[in-house]
């Protein structure tokens, strides 16, 4: 069974950076992205990218601090998180869909297990 898998999470201080990676891309689901969910809150869209071509998108709540990109190994998607804030603390989920637009619209997605990111001062 093919599964998406996140790595690179952990603890960081306010203002620091973390880099998350997602592996497990499949050919029939070239739309990739990230969501996050904090305790007591709903799952929040973060970013999306098409594996082929261009059209990456980052949610306004993290735009200017977070960046999504394709990994150089041609089999991963990266979420670079800079200038971290306490409100970035959440479980981060990698996701995949038929298109990047489907990821943004949260339609017919598959999910990784999630990885914890904790930001403190």
PDB file of N, CA and C in Angstrom:
ATOM      1  N   UNK A   1       0.851  -1.186   0.000  1.00  0.00           N
ATOM      2  CA  UNK A   1       0.000   0.000   0.000  1.00  0.00           C
ATOM      3  C   UNK A   1       0.892   1.243   0.000  1.00  0.00           C
ATOM      4  N   UNK A   2       0.652   2.138  -0.920  1.00  0.00           N
ATOM      5  CA  UNK A   2       1.404   3.385  -1.010  1.00  0.00           C
ATOM      6  C   UNK A   2       0.768   4.413  -0.077  1.00  0.00           C
ATOM      7  N   UNK A   3       1.593   5.041   0.738  1.00  0.00           N
ATOM      8  CA  UNK A   3       1.123   6.049   1.669  1.00  0.00           C
ATOM      9  C   UNK A   3       2.010   7.285   1.599  1.00  0.00           C
ATOM     10  N   UNK A   4       1.396   8.435   1.812  1.00  0.00           N
ATOM     11  CA  UNK A   4       2.158   9.659   1.975  1.00  0.00           C
ATOM     12  C   UNK A   4       2.796   9.665   3.351  1.00  0.00           C
ATOM     13  N   UNK A   5       4.008  10.177   3.431  1.00  0.00           N
ATOM     14  CA  UNK A   5       4.737  10.190   4.694  1.00  0.00           C
ATOM     15  C   UNK A   5       5.451  11.521   4.872  1.00  0.00           C
ATOM     16  N   UNK A   6       5.198  12.151   6.014  1.00  0.00           N
ATOM     17  CA  UNK A   6       5.823  13.424   6.334  1.00  0.00           C
ATOM     18  C   UNK A   6       7.059  13.206   7.195  1.00  0.00           C
ATOM     19  N   UNK A   7       8.025  14.105   7.058  1.00  0.00           N
ATOM     20  CA  UNK A   7       9.209  14.089   7.897  1.00  0.00           C
ATOM     21  C   UNK A   7       9.704  15.519   8.075  1.00  0.00           C
ATOM     22  N   UNK A   8      10.553  15.719   9.083  1.00  0.00           N
ATOM     23  CA  UNK A   8      11.174  17.009   9.298  1.00  0.00           C
ATOM     24  C   UNK A   8      10.547  17.860  10.383  1.00  0.00           C
ATOM     25  N   UNK A   9       9.518  17.364  11.052  1.00  0.00           N
ATOM     26  CA  UNK A   9       8.880  18.126  12.104  1.00  0.00           C
ATOM     27  C   UNK A   9       9.702  18.127  13.377  1.00  0.00           C
ATOM     28  N   UNK A  10       9.159  18.785  14.394  1.00  0.00           N
ATOM     29  CA  UNK A  10       9.837  18.863  15.671  1.00  0.00           C
ATOM     30  C   UNK A  10       9.534  20.165  16.370  1.00  0.00           C
ATOM     31  N   UNK A  11      10.445  20.568  17.239  1.00  0.00           N
ATOM     32  CA  UNK A  11      10.292  21.778  18.038  1.00  0.00           C
ATOM     33  C   UNK A  11      11.192  22.885  17.523  1.00  0.00           C
ATOM     34  N   UNK A  12      10.705  24.109  17.650  1.00  0.00           N
ATOM     35  CA  UNK A  12      11.468  25.270  17.218  1.00  0.00           C
ATOM     36  C   UNK A  12      11.101  26.462  18.084  1.00  0.00           C
ATOM     37  N   UNK A  13      11.970  27.444  18.087  1.00  0.00           N
ATOM     38  CA  UNK A  13      11.715  28.690  18.783  1.00  0.00           C
ATOM     39  C   UNK A  13      11.079  29.703  17.841  1.00  0.00           C
ATOM     40  N   UNK A  14      10.399  30.668  18.422  1.00  0.00           N
ATOM     41  CA  UNK A  14       9.810  31.745  17.626  1.00  0.00           C
ATOM     42  C   UNK A  14      10.894  32.388  16.764  1.00  0.00           C
ATOM     43  N   UNK A  15      10.586  32.567  15.485  1.00  0.00           N
ATOM     44  CA  UNK A  15      11.519  33.164  14.556  1.00  0.00           C
ATOM     45  C   UNK A  15      12.396  32.180  13.818  1.00  0.00           C
ATOM     46  N   UNK A  16      12.425  30.930  14.266  1.00  0.00           N
ATOM     47  CA  UNK A  16      13.238  29.905  13.614  1.00  0.00           C
ATOM     48  C   UNK A  16      12.553  29.368  12.369  1.00  0.00           C
ATOM     49  N   UNK A  17      13.230  28.444  11.708  1.00  0.00           N
ATOM     50  CA  UNK A  17      12.714  27.807  10.500  1.00  0.00           C
ATOM     51  C   UNK A  17      12.679  26.297  10.656  1.00  0.00           C
ATOM     52  N   UNK A  18      11.731  25.670   9.979  1.00  0.00           N
ATOM     53  CA  UNK A  18      11.664  24.230   9.860  1.00  0.00           C
ATOM     54  C   UNK A  18      11.351  23.872   8.414  1.00  0.00           C
ATOM     55  N   UNK A  19      11.799  22.700   8.003  1.00  0.00           N
ATOM     56  CA  UNK A  19      11.581  22.222   6.643  1.00  0.00           C
ATOM     57  C   UNK A  19      10.909  20.857   6.713  1.00  0.00           C
ATOM     58  N   UNK A  20       9.695  20.775   6.186  1.00  0.00           N
ATOM     59  CA  UNK A  20       8.959  19.525   6.133  1.00  0.00           C
ATOM     60  C   UNK A  20       9.062  18.925   4.738  1.00  0.00           C
ATOM     61  N   UNK A  21       9.099  17.604   4.682  1.00  0.00           N
ATOM     62  CA  UNK A  21       9.154  16.897   3.419  1.00  0.00           C
ATOM     63  C   UNK A  21       8.064  15.839   3.383  1.00  0.00           C
ATOM     64  N   UNK A  22       7.486  15.630   2.208  1.00  0.00           N
ATOM     65  CA  UNK A  22       6.470  14.616   1.999  1.00  0.00           C
ATOM     66  C   UNK A  22       6.908  13.709   0.860  1.00  0.00           C
ATOM     67  N   UNK A  23       6.897  12.412   1.098  1.00  0.00           N
ATOM     68  CA  UNK A  23       7.204  11.431   0.067  1.00  0.00           C
ATOM     69  C   UNK A  23       6.013  10.511  -0.150  1.00  0.00           C
ATOM     70  N   UNK A  24       5.997   9.845  -1.299  1.00  0.00           N
ATOM     71  CA  UNK A  24       4.923   8.929  -1.626  1.00  0.00           C
ATOM     72  C   UNK A  24       4.033   9.389  -2.762  1.00  0.00           C
ATOM     73  N   UNK A  25       4.514  10.309  -3.566  1.00  0.00           N
ATOM     74  CA  UNK A  25       3.739  10.822  -4.696  1.00  0.00           C
ATOM     75  C   UNK A  25       3.367   9.690  -5.647  1.00  0.00           C
ATOM     76  N   UNK A  26       2.145   9.752  -6.186  1.00  0.00           N
ATOM     77  CA  UNK A  26       1.674   8.788  -7.168  1.00  0.00           C
ATOM     78  C   UNK A  26       1.333   9.503  -8.461  1.00  0.00           C
ATOM     79  N   UNK A  27       1.447   8.787  -9.574  1.00  0.00           N
ATOM     80  CA  UNK A  27       1.264   9.397 -10.886  1.00  0.00           C
ATOM     81  C   UNK A  27      -0.166   9.872 -11.116  1.00  0.00           C
ATOM     82  N   UNK A  28      -1.148   9.217 -10.515  1.00  0.00           N
ATOM     83  CA  UNK A  28      -2.538   9.592 -10.739  1.00  0.00           C
ATOM     84  C   UNK A  28      -3.025  10.679  -9.794  1.00  0.00           C
ATOM     85  N   UNK A  29      -2.173  11.138  -8.905  1.00  0.00           N
ATOM     86  CA  UNK A  29      -2.515  12.227  -7.995  1.00  0.00           C
ATOM     87  C   UNK A  29      -1.398  13.249  -7.985  1.00  0.00           C
ATOM     88  N   UNK A  30      -1.261  14.004  -9.078  1.00  0.00           N
ATOM     89  CA  UNK A  30      -0.144  14.962  -9.198  1.00  0.00           C
ATOM     90  C   UNK A  30      -0.358  16.278  -8.452  1.00  0.00           C
ATOM     91  N   UNK A  31      -1.544  16.495  -7.898  1.00  0.00           N
ATOM     92  CA  UNK A  31      -1.749  17.662  -7.067  1.00  0.00           C
ATOM     93  C   UNK A  31      -1.313  17.372  -5.635  1.00  0.00           C
ATOM     94  N   UNK A  32      -0.422  18.183  -5.101  1.00  0.00           N
ATOM     95  CA  UNK A  32       0.154  17.959  -3.785  1.00  0.00           C
ATOM     96  C   UNK A  32      -0.047  19.192  -2.916  1.00  0.00           C
ATOM     97  N   UNK A  33      -0.020  18.986  -1.601  1.00  0.00           N
ATOM     98  CA  UNK A  33      -0.166  20.130  -0.725  1.00  0.00           C
ATOM     99  C   UNK A  33      -0.035  19.790   0.747  1.00  0.00           C
ATOM    100  N   UNK A  34      -0.293  20.792   1.564  1.00  0.00           N
ATOM    101  CA  UNK A  34      -0.181  20.684   3.008  1.00  0.00           C
ATOM    102  C   UNK A  34      -1.378  21.320   3.695  1.00  0.00           C
ATOM    103  N   UNK A  35      -1.841  20.670   4.760  1.00  0.00           N
ATOM    104  CA  UNK A  35      -2.808  21.215   5.698  1.00  0.00           C
ATOM    105  C   UNK A  35      -2.206  21.151   7.095  1.00  0.00           C
ATOM    106  N   UNK A  36      -2.841  21.831   8.031  1.00  0.00           N
ATOM    107  CA  UNK A  36      -2.426  21.724   9.427  1.00  0.00           C
ATOM    108  C   UNK A  36      -3.649  21.781  10.323  1.00  0.00           C
ATOM    109  N   UNK A  37      -3.514  21.210  11.516  1.00  0.00           N
ATOM    110  CA  UNK A  37      -4.616  21.183  12.467  1.00  0.00           C
ATOM    111  C   UNK A  37      -4.078  21.311  13.884  1.00  0.00           C
ATOM    112  N   UNK A  38      -4.523  22.334  14.575  1.00  0.00           N
ATOM    113  CA  UNK A  38      -4.168  22.543  15.967  1.00  0.00           C
ATOM    114  C   UNK A  38      -5.255  21.948  16.860  1.00  0.00           C
ATOM    115  N   UNK A  39      -4.924  21.583  18.103  1.00  0.00           N
ATOM    116  CA  UNK A  39      -5.938  21.030  19.013  1.00  0.00           C
ATOM    117  C   UNK A  39      -7.126  21.966  19.166  1.00  0.00           C
ATOM    118  N   UNK A  40      -8.324  21.412  19.041  1.00  0.00           N
ATOM    119  CA  UNK A  40      -9.525  22.200  19.180  1.00  0.00           C
ATOM    120  C   UNK A  40      -9.897  23.029  17.972  1.00  0.00           C
ATOM    121  N   UNK A  41      -9.149  22.903  16.883  1.00  0.00           N
ATOM    122  CA  UNK A  41      -9.416  23.667  15.683  1.00  0.00           C
ATOM    123  C   UNK A  41      -9.630  22.738  14.497  1.00  0.00           C
ATOM    124  N   UNK A  42     -10.254  23.268  13.455  1.00  0.00           N
ATOM    125  CA  UNK A  42     -10.470  22.495  12.243  1.00  0.00           C
ATOM    126  C   UNK A  42      -9.192  22.428  11.412  1.00  0.00           C
ATOM    127  N   UNK A  43      -9.165  21.474  10.496  1.00  0.00           N
ATOM    128  CA  UNK A  43      -8.002  21.334   9.636  1.00  0.00           C
ATOM    129  C   UNK A  43      -7.943  22.506   8.657  1.00  0.00           C
ATOM    130  N   UNK A  44      -6.782  23.138   8.565  1.00  0.00           N
ATOM    131  CA  UNK A  44      -6.600  24.377   7.831  1.00  0.00           C
ATOM    132  C   UNK A  44      -5.701  24.158   6.617  1.00  0.00           C
ATOM    133  N   UNK A  45      -6.133  24.646   5.479  1.00  0.00           N
ATOM    134  CA  UNK A  45      -5.327  24.596   4.264  1.00  0.00           C
ATOM    135  C   UNK A  45      -4.102  25.485   4.406  1.00  0.00           C
ATOM    136  N   UNK A  46      -2.951  25.002   3.932  1.00  0.00           N
ATOM    137  CA  UNK A  46      -1.702  25.744   4.024  1.00  0.00           C
ATOM    138  C   UNK A  46      -1.147  26.093   2.648  1.00  0.00           C
ATOM    139  N   UNK A  47      -0.966  25.094   1.779  1.00  0.00           N
ATOM    140  CA  UNK A  47      -0.329  25.346   0.484  1.00  0.00           C
ATOM    141  C   UNK A  47      -0.584  24.188  -0.465  1.00  0.00           C
ATOM    142  N   UNK A  48      -0.426  24.446  -1.763  1.00  0.00           N
ATOM    143  CA  UNK A  48      -0.608  23.418  -2.779  1.00  0.00           C
ATOM    144  C   UNK A  48       0.304  23.693  -3.962  1.00  0.00           C
ATOM    145  N   UNK A  49       0.569  22.632  -4.748  1.00  0.00           N
ATOM    146  CA  UNK A  49       1.434  22.760  -5.914  1.00  0.00           C
ATOM    147  C   UNK A  49       1.138  21.623  -6.880  1.00  0.00           C
ATOM    148  N   UNK A  50       1.112  21.898  -8.202  1.00  0.00           N
ATOM    149  CA  UNK A  50       1.022  20.808  -9.169  1.00  0.00           C
ATOM    150  C   UNK A  50       2.399  20.220  -9.411  1.00  0.00           C
ATOM    151  N   UNK A  51       2.483  18.898  -9.466  1.00  0.00           N
ATOM    152  CA  UNK A  51       3.779  18.283  -9.695  1.00  0.00           C
ATOM    153  C   UNK A  51       4.325  18.653 -11.065  1.00  0.00           C
ATOM    154  N   UNK A  52       3.448  18.707 -12.055  1.00  0.00           N
ATOM    155  CA  UNK A  52       3.831  19.108 -13.402  1.00  0.00           C
ATOM    156  C   UNK A  52       3.410  20.552 -13.650  1.00  0.00           C
ATOM    157  N   UNK A  53       4.315  21.319 -14.211  1.00  0.00           N
ATOM    158  CA  UNK A  53       4.022  22.703 -14.524  1.00  0.00           C
ATOM    159  C   UNK A  53       4.164  23.609 -13.318  1.00  0.00           C
ATOM    160  N   UNK A  54       3.454  24.714 -13.363  1.00  0.00           N
ATOM    161  CA  UNK A  54       3.510  25.708 -12.310  1.00  0.00           C
ATOM    162  C   UNK A  54       2.116  25.984 -11.772  1.00  0.00           C
ATOM    163  N   UNK A  55       2.051  26.832 -10.761  1.00  0.00           N
ATOM    164  CA  UNK A  55       0.774  27.193 -10.169  1.00  0.00           C
ATOM    165  C   UNK A  55       0.709  26.952  -8.679  1.00  0.00           C
ATOM    166  N   UNK A  56       1.834  27.072  -7.990  1.00  0.00           N
ATOM    167  CA  UNK A  56       1.834  26.881  -6.549  1.00  0.00           C
ATOM    168  C   UNK A  56       1.052  28.002  -5.867  1.00  0.00           C
ATOM    169  N   UNK A  57       0.478  27.682  -4.729  1.00  0.00           N
ATOM    170  CA  UNK A  57      -0.351  28.619  -3.991  1.00  0.00           C
ATOM    171  C   UNK A  57      -0.107  28.436  -2.506  1.00  0.00           C
ATOM    172  N   UNK A  58      -0.071  29.540  -1.777  1.00  0.00           N
ATOM    173  CA  UNK A  58       0.120  29.522  -0.332  1.00  0.00           C
ATOM    174  C   UNK A  58      -1.003  30.315   0.314  1.00  0.00           C
ATOM    175  N   UNK A  59      -1.555  29.779   1.378  1.00  0.00           N
ATOM    176  CA  UNK A  59      -2.651  30.438   2.067  1.00  0.00           C
ATOM    177  C   UNK A  59      -2.219  31.796   2.608  1.00  0.00           C
ATOM    178  N   UNK A  60      -3.165  32.730   2.613  1.00  0.00           N
ATOM    179  CA  UNK A  60      -2.845  34.068   3.066  1.00  0.00           C
ATOM    180  C   UNK A  60      -2.346  34.139   4.493  1.00  0.00           C
ATOM    181  N   UNK A  61      -2.763  33.196   5.338  1.00  0.00           N
ATOM    182  CA  UNK A  61      -2.364  33.213   6.735  1.00  0.00           C
ATOM    183  C   UNK A  61      -0.872  32.986   6.939  1.00  0.00           C
ATOM    184  N   UNK A  62      -0.211  32.343   5.968  1.00  0.00           N
ATOM    185  CA  UNK A  62       1.212  32.049   6.095  1.00  0.00           C
ATOM    186  C   UNK A  62       2.023  32.581   4.924  1.00  0.00           C
ATOM    187  N   UNK A  63       1.378  33.263   4.005  1.00  0.00           N
ATOM    188  CA  UNK A  63       2.065  33.790   2.832  1.00  0.00           C
ATOM    189  C   UNK A  63       3.149  34.785   3.252  1.00  0.00           C
ATOM    190  N   UNK A  64       4.315  34.673   2.619  1.00  0.00           N
ATOM    191  CA  UNK A  64       5.447  35.499   2.986  1.00  0.00           C
ATOM    192  C   UNK A  64       6.364  34.842   3.990  1.00  0.00           C
ATOM    193  N   UNK A  65       5.890  33.799   4.676  1.00  0.00           N
ATOM    194  CA  UNK A  65       6.710  33.051   5.621  1.00  0.00           C
ATOM    195  C   UNK A  65       6.911  31.608   5.185  1.00  0.00           C
ATOM    196  N   UNK A  66       5.892  30.998   4.605  1.00  0.00           N
ATOM    197  CA  UNK A  66       5.959  29.604   4.160  1.00  0.00           C
ATOM    198  C   UNK A  66       6.088  29.545   2.649  1.00  0.00           C
ATOM    199  N   UNK A  67       6.760  28.504   2.162  1.00  0.00           N
ATOM    200  CA  UNK A  67       6.912  28.290   0.738  1.00  0.00           C
ATOM    201  C   UNK A  67       6.812  26.803   0.438  1.00  0.00           C
ATOM    202  N   UNK A  68       6.077  26.451  -0.614  1.00  0.00           N
ATOM    203  CA  UNK A  68       5.960  25.067  -1.036  1.00  0.00           C
ATOM    204  C   UNK A  68       6.768  24.884  -2.318  1.00  0.00           C
ATOM    205  N   UNK A  69       7.409  23.750  -2.457  1.00  0.00           N
ATOM    206  CA  UNK A  69       8.228  23.488  -3.630  1.00  0.00           C
ATOM    207  C   UNK A  69       8.355  21.990  -3.851  1.00  0.00           C
ATOM    208  N   UNK A  70       8.802  21.627  -5.042  1.00  0.00           N
ATOM    209  CA  UNK A  70       9.079  20.236  -5.374  1.00  0.00           C
ATOM    210  C   UNK A  70      10.505  19.894  -4.982  1.00  0.00           C
ATOM    211  N   UNK A  71      10.683  18.753  -4.365  1.00  0.00           N
ATOM    212  CA  UNK A  71      12.004  18.334  -3.953  1.00  0.00           C
ATOM    213  C   UNK A  71      12.881  17.973  -5.129  1.00  0.00           C
ATOM    214  N   UNK A  72      14.180  18.157  -4.953  1.00  0.00           N
ATOM    215  CA  UNK A  72      15.125  17.873  -6.019  1.00  0.00           C
ATOM    216  C   UNK A  72      15.231  16.402  -6.376  1.00  0.00           C
ATOM    217  N   UNK A  73      14.751  15.530  -5.512  1.00  0.00           N
ATOM    218  CA  UNK A  73      14.798  14.096  -5.788  1.00  0.00           C
ATOM    219  C   UNK A  73      13.667  13.630  -6.701  1.00  0.00           C
ATOM    220  N   UNK A  74      12.823  14.541  -7.144  1.00  0.00           N
ATOM    221  CA  UNK A  74      11.697  14.269  -8.052  1.00  0.00           C
ATOM    222  C   UNK A  74      10.645  13.348  -7.437  1.00  0.00           C
ATOM    223  N   UNK A  75      10.666  13.221  -6.134  1.00  0.00           N
ATOM    224  CA  UNK A  75       9.709  12.334  -5.478  1.00  0.00           C
ATOM    225  C   UNK A  75       9.287  12.865  -4.113  1.00  0.00           C
ATOM    226  N   UNK A  76       9.334  14.179  -3.946  1.00  0.00           N
ATOM    227  CA  UNK A  76       8.956  14.752  -2.671  1.00  0.00           C
ATOM    228  C   UNK A  76       8.436  16.168  -2.860  1.00  0.00           C
ATOM    229  N   UNK A  77       7.695  16.627  -1.871  1.00  0.00           N
ATOM    230  CA  UNK A  77       7.190  17.995  -1.836  1.00  0.00           C
ATOM    231  C   UNK A  77       7.624  18.607  -0.514  1.00  0.00           C
ATOM    232  N   UNK A  78       8.142  19.823  -0.576  1.00  0.00           N
ATOM    233  CA  UNK A  78       8.729  20.492   0.570  1.00  0.00           C
ATOM    234  C   UNK A  78       7.821  21.617   1.045  1.00  0.00           C
ATOM    235  N   UNK A  79       7.720  21.762   2.355  1.00  0.00           N
ATOM    236  CA  UNK A  79       7.128  22.950   2.957  1.00  0.00           C
ATOM    237  C   UNK A  79       8.203  23.621   3.793  1.00  0.00           C
ATOM    238  N   UNK A  80       8.702  24.745   3.312  1.00  0.00           N
ATOM    239  CA  UNK A  80       9.687  25.523   4.034  1.00  0.00           C
ATOM    240  C   UNK A  80       8.954  26.549   4.888  1.00  0.00           C
ATOM    241  N   UNK A  81       9.164  26.501   6.197  1.00  0.00           N
ATOM    242  CA  UNK A  81       8.476  27.367   7.141  1.00  0.00           C
ATOM    243  C   UNK A  81       9.500  28.274   7.805  1.00  0.00           C
ATOM    244  N   UNK A  82       9.353  29.566   7.600  1.00  0.00           N
ATOM    245  CA  UNK A  82      10.277  30.551   8.142  1.00  0.00           C
ATOM    246  C   UNK A  82       9.557  31.480   9.114  1.00  0.00           C
ATOM    247  N   UNK A  83      10.337  32.145   9.953  1.00  0.00           N
ATOM    248  CA  UNK A  83       9.797  33.105  10.921  1.00  0.00           C
ATOM    249  C   UNK A  83       8.623  32.515  11.682  1.00  0.00           C
ATOM    250  N   UNK A  84       8.845  31.362  12.259  1.00  0.00           N
ATOM    251  CA  UNK A  84       7.777  30.622  12.917  1.00  0.00           C
ATOM    252  C   UNK A  84       7.193  31.397  14.090  1.00  0.00           C
ATOM    253  N   UNK A  85       5.895  31.211  14.277  1.00  0.00           N
ATOM    254  CA  UNK A  85       5.149  31.840  15.354  1.00  0.00           C
ATOM    255  C   UNK A  85       4.466  30.767  16.198  1.00  0.00           C
ATOM    256  N   UNK A  86       4.104  31.077  17.450  1.00  0.00           N
ATOM    257  CA  UNK A  86       3.413  30.081  18.269  1.00  0.00           C
ATOM    258  C   UNK A  86       2.148  29.541  17.619  1.00  0.00           C
ATOM    259  N   UNK A  87       1.428  30.361  16.878  1.00  0.00           N
ATOM    260  CA  UNK A  87       0.204  29.908  16.233  1.00  0.00           C
ATOM    261  C   UNK A  87       0.451  28.945  15.084  1.00  0.00           C
ATOM    262  N   UNK A  88       1.706  28.731  14.704  1.00  0.00           N
ATOM    263  CA  UNK A  88       2.042  27.708  13.719  1.00  0.00           C
ATOM    264  C   UNK A  88       2.072  26.313  14.332  1.00  0.00           C
ATOM    265  N   UNK A  89       1.997  26.219  15.646  1.00  0.00           N
ATOM    266  CA  UNK A  89       1.990  24.929  16.319  1.00  0.00           C
ATOM    267  C   UNK A  89       0.771  24.122  15.895  1.00  0.00           C
ATOM    268  N   UNK A  90       1.003  22.926  15.355  1.00  0.00           N
ATOM    269  CA  UNK A  90      -0.079  22.095  14.831  1.00  0.00           C
ATOM    270  C   UNK A  90       0.501  20.773  14.350  1.00  0.00           C
ATOM    271  N   UNK A  91      -0.398  19.854  14.024  1.00  0.00           N
ATOM    272  CA  UNK A  91      -0.011  18.682  13.261  1.00  0.00           C
ATOM    273  C   UNK A  91      -0.133  19.043  11.785  1.00  0.00           C
ATOM    274  N   UNK A  92       0.924  18.816  11.043  1.00  0.00           N
ATOM    275  CA  UNK A  92       0.953  19.147   9.624  1.00  0.00           C
ATOM    276  C   UNK A  92       0.757  17.880   8.802  1.00  0.00           C
ATOM    277  N   UNK A  93      -0.186  17.936   7.855  1.00  0.00           N
ATOM    278  CA  UNK A  93      -0.547  16.789   7.032  1.00  0.00           C
ATOM    279  C   UNK A  93      -0.188  17.034   5.574  1.00  0.00           C
ATOM    280  N   UNK A  94       0.502  16.099   4.983  1.00  0.00           N
ATOM    281  CA  UNK A  94       0.699  16.088   3.546  1.00  0.00           C
ATOM    282  C   UNK A  94      -0.538  15.491   2.885  1.00  0.00           C
ATOM    283  N   UNK A  95      -0.898  16.004   1.709  1.00  0.00           N
ATOM    284  CA  UNK A  95      -2.072  15.516   1.014  1.00  0.00           C
ATOM    285  C   UNK A  95      -1.822  15.487  -0.484  1.00  0.00           C
ATOM    286  N   UNK A  96      -2.631  14.706  -1.203  1.00  0.00           N
ATOM    287  CA  UNK A  96      -2.515  14.590  -2.651  1.00  0.00           C
ATOM    288  C   UNK A  96      -3.893  14.431  -3.265  1.00  0.00           C
ATOM    289  N   UNK A  97      -4.090  15.022  -4.430  1.00  0.00           N
ATOM    290  CA  UNK A  97      -5.329  14.927  -5.166  1.00  0.00           C
ATOM    291  C   UNK A  97      -5.076  14.900  -6.656  1.00  0.00           C
ATOM    292  N   UNK A  98      -6.152  14.875  -7.430  1.00  0.00           N
ATOM    293  CA  UNK A  98      -6.007  14.797  -8.876  1.00  0.00           C
ATOM    294  C   UNK A  98      -5.411  16.069  -9.462  1.00  0.00           C
ATOM    295  N   UNK A  99      -5.654  17.198  -8.823  1.00  0.00           N
ATOM    296  CA  UNK A  99      -5.084  18.470  -9.240  1.00  0.00           C
ATOM    297  C   UNK A  99      -4.735  19.293  -8.014  1.00  0.00           C
ATOM    298  N   UNK A 100      -3.878  20.285  -8.202  1.00  0.00           N
ATOM    299  CA  UNK A 100      -3.574  21.205  -7.118  1.00  0.00           C
ATOM    300  C   UNK A 100      -4.823  21.973  -6.697  1.00  0.00           C
ATOM    301  N   UNK A 101      -5.697  22.256  -7.655  1.00  0.00           N
ATOM    302  CA  UNK A 101      -6.948  22.903  -7.318  1.00  0.00           C
ATOM    303  C   UNK A 101      -7.814  22.044  -6.414  1.00  0.00           C
ATOM    304  N   UNK A 102      -7.815  20.745  -6.642  1.00  0.00           N
ATOM    305  CA  UNK A 102      -8.559  19.843  -5.769  1.00  0.00           C
ATOM    306  C   UNK A 102      -8.010  19.883  -4.350  1.00  0.00           C
ATOM    307  N   UNK A 103      -6.701  20.009  -4.209  1.00  0.00           N
ATOM    308  CA  UNK A 103      -6.108  20.137  -2.879  1.00  0.00           C
ATOM    309  C   UNK A 103      -6.618  21.401  -2.197  1.00  0.00           C
ATOM    310  N   UNK A 104      -6.574  22.497  -2.905  1.00  0.00           N
ATOM    311  CA  UNK A 104      -7.053  23.754  -2.347  1.00  0.00           C
ATOM    312  C   UNK A 104      -8.533  23.676  -1.987  1.00  0.00           C
ATOM    313  N   UNK A 105      -9.315  22.961  -2.790  1.00  0.00           N
ATOM    314  CA  UNK A 105     -10.743  22.812  -2.542  1.00  0.00           C
ATOM    315  C   UNK A 105     -11.071  21.650  -1.612  1.00  0.00           C
ATOM    316  N   UNK A 106     -10.057  20.914  -1.201  1.00  0.00           N
ATOM    317  CA  UNK A 106     -10.213  19.780  -0.291  1.00  0.00           C
ATOM    318  C   UNK A 106     -11.183  18.739  -0.857  1.00  0.00           C
ATOM    319  N   UNK A 107     -10.936  18.322  -2.077  1.00  0.00           N
ATOM    320  CA  UNK A 107     -11.798  17.377  -2.776  1.00  0.00           C
ATOM    321  C   UNK A 107     -11.039  16.099  -3.106  1.00  0.00           C
ATOM    322  N   UNK A 108     -11.569  14.971  -2.652  1.00  0.00           N
ATOM    323  CA  UNK A 108     -11.062  13.643  -3.006  1.00  0.00           C
ATOM    324  C   UNK A 108      -9.574  13.492  -2.725  1.00  0.00           C
ATOM    325  N   UNK A 109      -9.184  13.786  -1.510  1.00  0.00           N
ATOM    326  CA  UNK A 109      -7.779  13.778  -1.135  1.00  0.00           C
ATOM    327  C   UNK A 109      -7.399  12.523  -0.357  1.00  0.00           C
ATOM    328  N   UNK A 110      -6.143  12.150  -0.482  1.00  0.00           N
ATOM    329  CA  UNK A 110      -5.544  11.163   0.402  1.00  0.00           C
ATOM    330  C   UNK A 110      -4.575  11.886   1.324  1.00  0.00           C
ATOM    331  N   UNK A 111      -4.319  11.287   2.486  1.00  0.00           N
ATOM    332  CA  UNK A 111      -3.593  11.992   3.534  1.00  0.00           C
ATOM    333  C   UNK A 111      -2.452  11.175   4.102  1.00  0.00           C
ATOM    334  N   UNK A 112      -1.397  11.870   4.514  1.00  0.00           N
ATOM    335  CA  UNK A 112      -0.390  11.259   5.350  1.00  0.00           C
ATOM    336  C   UNK A 112      -0.866  11.190   6.790  1.00  0.00           C
ATOM    337  N   UNK A 113      -0.050  10.612   7.644  1.00  0.00           N
ATOM    338  CA  UNK A 113      -0.415  10.449   9.046  1.00  0.00           C
ATOM    339  C   UNK A 113      -0.277  11.734   9.851  1.00  0.00           C
ATOM    340  N   UNK A 114       0.471  12.682   9.350  1.00  0.00           N
ATOM    341  CA  UNK A 114       0.685  13.939  10.036  1.00  0.00           C
ATOM    342  C   UNK A 114       1.974  13.935  10.835  1.00  0.00           C
ATOM    343  N   UNK A 115       2.510  15.118  11.068  1.00  0.00           N
ATOM    344  CA  UNK A 115       3.735  15.272  11.844  1.00  0.00           C
ATOM    345  C   UNK A 115       3.623  16.524  12.700  1.00  0.00           C
ATOM    346  N   UNK A 116       4.098  16.435  13.940  1.00  0.00           N
ATOM    347  CA  UNK A 116       3.935  17.515  14.904  1.00  0.00           C
ATOM    348  C   UNK A 116       4.974  18.605  14.689  1.00  0.00           C
ATOM    349  N   UNK A 117       4.502  19.847  14.722  1.00  0.00           N
ATOM    350  CA  UNK A 117       5.362  21.021  14.751  1.00  0.00           C
ATOM    351  C   UNK A 117       4.977  21.839  15.978  1.00  0.00           C
ATOM    352  N   UNK A 118       5.950  22.136  16.829  1.00  0.00           N
ATOM    353  CA  UNK A 118       5.712  22.897  18.044  1.00  0.00           C
ATOM    354  C   UNK A 118       6.635  24.107  18.071  1.00  0.00           C
ATOM    355  N   UNK A 119       6.051  25.284  18.217  1.00  0.00           N
ATOM    356  CA  UNK A 119       6.807  26.530  18.230  1.00  0.00           C
ATOM    357  C   UNK A 119       6.587  27.200  19.582  1.00  0.00           C
ATOM    358  N   UNK A 120       7.670  27.522  20.259  1.00  0.00           N
ATOM    359  CA  UNK A 120       7.591  28.141  21.573  1.00  0.00           C
ATOM    360  C   UNK A 120       8.588  29.280  21.668  1.00  0.00           C
ATOM    361  N   UNK A 121       8.365  30.135  22.653  1.00  0.00           N
ATOM    362  CA  UNK A 121       9.266  31.257  22.902  1.00  0.00           C
ATOM    363  C   UNK A 121      10.172  31.001  24.086  1.00  0.00           C
TER     364      UNK A 121
END
